[in-house]
C-alpha atoms as a PDB file:
ATOM      1  CA  MET A   1      -1.842 -11.083   0.393  1.00  0.00           C
ATOM      2  CA  SER A   2      -5.982 -11.265   1.274  1.00  0.00           C
ATOM      3  CA  PHE A   3      -7.390  -9.247   4.282  1.00  0.00           C
ATOM      4  CA  ARG A   4     -10.628  -8.752   4.999  1.00  0.00           C
ATOM      5  CA  VAL A   5     -13.022  -5.252   4.471  1.00  0.00           C
ATOM      6  CA  THR A   6     -16.244  -4.260   5.450  1.00  0.00           C
ATOM      7  CA  PRO A   7     -19.279  -4.465   2.988  1.00  0.00           C
ATOM      8  CA  ARG A   8     -19.534  -0.307   2.257  1.00  0.00           C
ATOM      9  CA  PHE A   9     -15.370  -0.692   1.365  1.00  0.00           C
ATOM     10  CA  LYS A  10     -15.485  -3.385  -1.143  1.00  0.00           C
ATOM     11  CA  VAL A  11     -18.930  -1.658  -2.465  1.00  0.00           C
ATOM     12  CA  LEU A  12     -17.115   1.526  -2.720  1.00  0.00           C
ATOM     13  CA  LEU A  13     -14.175   0.061  -4.391  1.00  0.00           C
ATOM     14  CA  GLU A  14     -15.655  -1.471  -6.934  1.00  0.00           C
ATOM     15  CA  ALA A  15     -17.303   1.232  -7.736  1.00  0.00           C
ATOM     16  CA  ALA A  16     -14.336   3.184  -6.922  1.00  0.00           C
ATOM     17  CA  ALA A  17     -12.449   1.084 -10.012  1.00  0.00           C
ATOM     18  CA  ALA A  18     -15.505   1.336 -12.399  1.00  0.00           C
ATOM     19  CA  ARG A  19     -15.459   4.996 -12.980  1.00  0.00           C
ATOM     20  CA  GLU A  20     -11.567   4.519 -13.318  1.00  0.00           C
ATOM     21  CA  HIS A  21     -12.123   1.176 -15.590  1.00  0.00           C
ATOM     22  CA  ARG A  22      -9.269  -0.475 -12.967  1.00  0.00           C
ATOM     23  CA  SER A  23      -8.726  -3.519 -11.143  1.00  0.00           C
ATOM     24  CA  LEU A  24      -9.890  -3.635  -7.163  1.00  0.00           C
ATOM     25  CA  THR A  25      -5.791  -4.368  -6.989  1.00  0.00           C
ATOM     26  CA  ASN A  26      -4.583  -1.100 -10.019  1.00  0.00           C
ATOM     27  CA  MET A  27      -6.981   1.638  -7.485  1.00  0.00           C
ATOM     28  CA  LEU A  28      -5.772  -0.149  -4.315  1.00  0.00           C
ATOM     29  CA  GLU A  29      -2.360   0.979  -5.912  1.00  0.00           C
ATOM     30  CA  THR A  30      -3.295   3.905  -6.738  1.00  0.00           C
ATOM     31  CA  LEU A  31      -4.849   5.536  -3.931  1.00  0.00           C
ATOM     32  CA  LEU A  32      -2.275   3.995  -1.815  1.00  0.00           C
ATOM     33  CA  PHE A  33       0.317   5.575  -3.332  1.00  0.00           C
ATOM     34  CA  ALA A  34      -1.109   9.728  -4.489  1.00  0.00           C
ATOM     35  CA  TYR A  35      -2.010   9.313  -0.146  1.00  0.00           C
ATOM     36  CA  CYS A  36       1.613   8.202  -0.197  1.00  0.00           C
ATOM     37  CA  ASP A  37       3.054  11.239  -2.421  1.00  0.00           C
ATOM     38  CA  GLN A  38       0.763  13.263  -0.405  1.00  0.00           C
ATOM     39  CA  HIS A  39       2.205  12.424   2.752  1.00  0.00           C
ATOM     40  CA  GLY A  40       5.678  12.320   1.239  1.00  0.00           C
ATOM     41  CA  LEU A  41       5.483   8.664   2.283  1.00  0.00           C
ATOM     42  CA  SER A  42       7.811   6.569   0.780  1.00  0.00           C
ATOM     43  CA  ASP A  43       9.062   3.273   0.904  1.00  0.00           C
ATOM     44  CA  ARG A  44      12.731   4.301   1.089  1.00  0.00           C
ATOM     45  CA  ALA A  45      12.282   6.099   3.798  1.00  0.00           C
ATOM     46  CA  GLU A  46      10.884   3.078   6.016  1.00  0.00           C
ATOM     47  CA  SER A  47      13.538   0.193   5.145  1.00  0.00           C
ATOM     48  CA  ALA A  48      15.776   3.649   6.302  1.00  0.00           C
ATOM     49  CA  LYS A  49      14.740   2.961   9.801  1.00  0.00           C
ATOM     50  CA  ALA A  50      15.126  -0.698  10.057  1.00  0.00           C
ATOM     51  CA  PRO A  51      18.083  -1.503  11.999  1.00  0.00           C
ATOM     52  CA  ASN A  52      21.002  -3.100   9.812  1.00  0.00           C
ATOM     53  CA  LYS A  53      21.791  -6.720   9.644  1.00  0.00           C
ATOM     54  CA  ASN A  54      25.212  -9.041   8.895  1.00  0.00           C
ATOM     55  CA  ASN A  55      25.515 -11.465   6.644  1.00  0.00           C
ATOM     56  CA  ASN A  56      23.825 -13.708   9.360  1.00  0.00           C
ATOM     57  CA  GLY A  57      21.073 -11.903  10.062  1.00  0.00           C
ATOM     58  CA  ALA A  58      22.203 -11.103  13.681  1.00  0.00           C
ATOM     59  CA  LYS A  59      21.858  -7.145  14.238  1.00  0.00           C
ATOM     60  CA  GLN A  60      24.677  -4.551  14.102  1.00  0.00           C
END
């Protein structure tokens, strides 16, 4: 996965990662997971909202 970020975002991510002795990817994961925990988001909740599909990919 790749995405563009503003120069400010990159500088702040690098600073936060360096302070925590983390890679940029690990810092993003840590921040995202903390946000999700604080706001009650879960990957299971999203998959539960997805429509059920049968074996050939059609919606049930």
